[in-house]
């Protein structure tokens, strides 16, 4: 039977804490957007991309996934769709609180939701 594991003790993969992995992906995503040619919504997009980085593997904290990564189970549960769901909600909330035109940012939000849901498969074209 699964048991709760403190979030700080969860791992993303052998030798890497989940907290460290999520923080590193957040930073990478934010810096990637900031390195793009300037655009009006770049700072907001950077924040949104950082949120996507935090959410993409967040469901790896599930006890069954932790048992899998610690080799106590042979197959782990899905985590990508759950991460997409979390990002979808938090990203929507973030965008809804912004001022001004949200059209382009909403398009990026939808792309990120889809990419997180499929981040262990071959990303499909739009």
Protein backbone atom coordinates (compact mmCIF):
# COMPACT_ATOMS: atom_id res chain seq x y z
CA UNK A 1 0.00 0.00 0.00
CA UNK A 2 1.26 3.47 -0.90
CA UNK A 3 2.20 5.96 1.74
CA UNK A 4 2.81 9.69 1.57
CA UNK A 5 6.35 10.85 1.07
CA UNK A 6 7.39 14.37 2.10
CA UNK A 7 7.69 16.50 -1.03
CA UNK A 8 11.28 17.45 -0.20
CA UNK A 9 12.18 13.74 -0.14
CA UNK A 10 10.72 12.95 -3.59
CA UNK A 11 13.06 12.24 -6.47
CA UNK A 12 12.63 12.95 -10.17
CA UNK A 13 15.11 10.28 -11.23
CA UNK A 14 17.89 8.40 -9.47
CA UNK A 15 20.26 10.91 -7.93
CA UNK A 16 18.07 13.96 -8.55
CA UNK A 17 15.57 15.46 -6.13
CA UNK A 18 12.24 16.41 -7.62
CA UNK A 19 12.49 19.92 -6.16
CA UNK A 20 15.87 20.47 -7.83
CA UNK A 21 14.62 19.13 -11.17
CA UNK A 22 11.51 21.30 -11.19
CA UNK A 23 13.48 24.42 -10.21
CA UNK A 24 16.07 23.76 -12.93
CA UNK A 25 13.43 23.28 -15.63
CA UNK A 26 11.61 26.42 -14.46
CA UNK A 27 14.81 28.45 -14.78
CA UNK A 28 15.64 26.94 -18.17
CA UNK A 29 12.16 27.67 -19.53
CA UNK A 30 12.17 31.27 -18.28
CA UNK A 31 15.65 31.96 -19.67
CA UNK A 32 14.74 30.41 -23.02
CA UNK A 33 11.85 32.82 -23.44
CA UNK A 34 13.93 35.80 -22.35
CA UNK A 35 16.58 34.84 -24.95
CA UNK A 36 14.01 35.08 -27.76
CA UNK A 37 13.75 38.22 -29.89
CA UNK A 38 11.88 40.90 -27.90
CA UNK A 39 8.08 40.84 -27.97
CA UNK A 40 5.47 42.82 -26.02
CA UNK A 41 4.37 39.99 -23.72
CA UNK A 42 7.84 38.50 -23.18
CA UNK A 43 8.00 38.95 -19.40
CA UNK A 44 4.54 37.42 -18.92
CA UNK A 45 5.42 34.59 -21.30
CA UNK A 46 8.62 33.97 -19.34
CA UNK A 47 6.60 33.67 -16.13
CA UNK A 48 4.11 31.35 -17.84
CA UNK A 49 6.91 29.18 -19.22
CA UNK A 50 8.47 29.01 -15.75
CA UNK A 51 5.16 27.85 -14.35
CA UNK A 52 5.06 25.17 -17.04
CA UNK A 53 8.52 24.03 -15.98
CA UNK A 54 7.38 23.73 -12.37
CA UNK A 55 4.24 21.79 -13.25
CA UNK A 56 5.51 19.41 -15.96
CA UNK A 57 6.73 16.67 -13.57
CA UNK A 58 4.92 17.72 -10.40
CA UNK A 59 2.84 14.53 -10.35
CA UNK A 60 6.03 12.53 -9.81
CA UNK A 61 5.46 13.22 -6.12
CA UNK A 62 2.67 10.62 -6.18
CA UNK A 63 3.55 7.73 -3.84
CA UNK A 64 3.12 5.13 -6.58
CA UNK A 65 5.53 7.00 -8.86
CA UNK A 66 8.05 7.32 -6.04
CA UNK A 67 7.82 3.57 -5.46
CA UNK A 68 8.44 3.02 -9.16
CA UNK A 69 11.49 5.31 -9.33
CA UNK A 70 12.85 3.68 -6.18
CA UNK A 71 12.46 0.27 -7.89
CA UNK A 72 9.73 -0.99 -5.57
CA UNK A 73 7.37 -1.29 -8.56
CA UNK A 74 8.09 -2.22 -12.16
CA UNK A 75 5.77 0.33 -13.74
CA UNK A 76 5.01 3.87 -12.68
CA UNK A 77 1.74 5.73 -13.06
CA UNK A 78 1.30 8.39 -15.67
CA UNK A 79 2.44 11.85 -14.64
CA UNK A 80 2.43 13.96 -17.83
CA UNK A 81 -1.36 14.44 -18.17
CA UNK A 82 -1.60 15.34 -14.50
CA UNK A 83 1.16 17.93 -14.87
CA UNK A 84 -0.68 19.37 -17.88
CA UNK A 85 -3.87 19.59 -15.86
CA UNK A 86 -2.14 21.44 -13.02
CA UNK A 87 -0.43 23.83 -15.42
CA UNK A 88 -3.69 24.36 -17.28
CA UNK A 89 -5.41 25.50 -14.11
CA UNK A 90 -2.60 27.61 -12.68
CA UNK A 91 -1.73 29.11 -16.07
CA UNK A 92 -5.36 30.04 -16.69
CA UNK A 93 -5.51 31.72 -13.30
CA UNK A 94 -2.30 33.62 -14.01
CA UNK A 95 -3.46 34.84 -17.42
CA UNK A 96 -6.91 35.82 -16.13
CA UNK A 97 -5.28 38.21 -13.63
CA UNK A 98 -3.22 40.05 -16.25
CA UNK A 99 -4.17 43.38 -17.77
CA UNK A 100 -4.40 44.03 -21.49
CA UNK A 101 -4.55 41.80 -24.56
CA UNK A 102 -4.20 38.15 -23.61
CA UNK A 103 -4.74 36.58 -27.04
CA UNK A 104 -1.12 35.65 -27.87
CA UNK A 105 -0.34 34.61 -24.31
CA UNK A 106 -3.41 32.34 -24.31
CA UNK A 107 -2.13 30.69 -27.50
CA UNK A 108 1.23 29.96 -25.83
CA UNK A 109 -0.62 28.67 -22.76
CA UNK A 110 -2.54 26.17 -24.89
CA UNK A 111 0.66 25.03 -26.62
CA UNK A 112 2.37 24.53 -23.28
CA UNK A 113 -0.57 22.53 -21.89
CA UNK A 114 -0.43 20.25 -24.90
CA UNK A 115 3.34 19.89 -24.79
CA UNK A 116 3.35 19.00 -21.09
CA UNK A 117 0.63 16.38 -21.64
CA UNK A 118 2.77 14.80 -24.35
CA UNK A 119 6.29 15.44 -23.02
CA UNK A 120 7.19 11.76 -23.01
CA UNK A 121 5.93 11.13 -26.50
CA UNK A 122 6.58 12.55 -29.92
CA UNK A 123 5.19 16.08 -29.93
CA UNK A 124 2.61 16.38 -32.66
CA UNK A 125 2.36 19.32 -35.06
CA UNK A 126 -0.29 21.95 -34.43
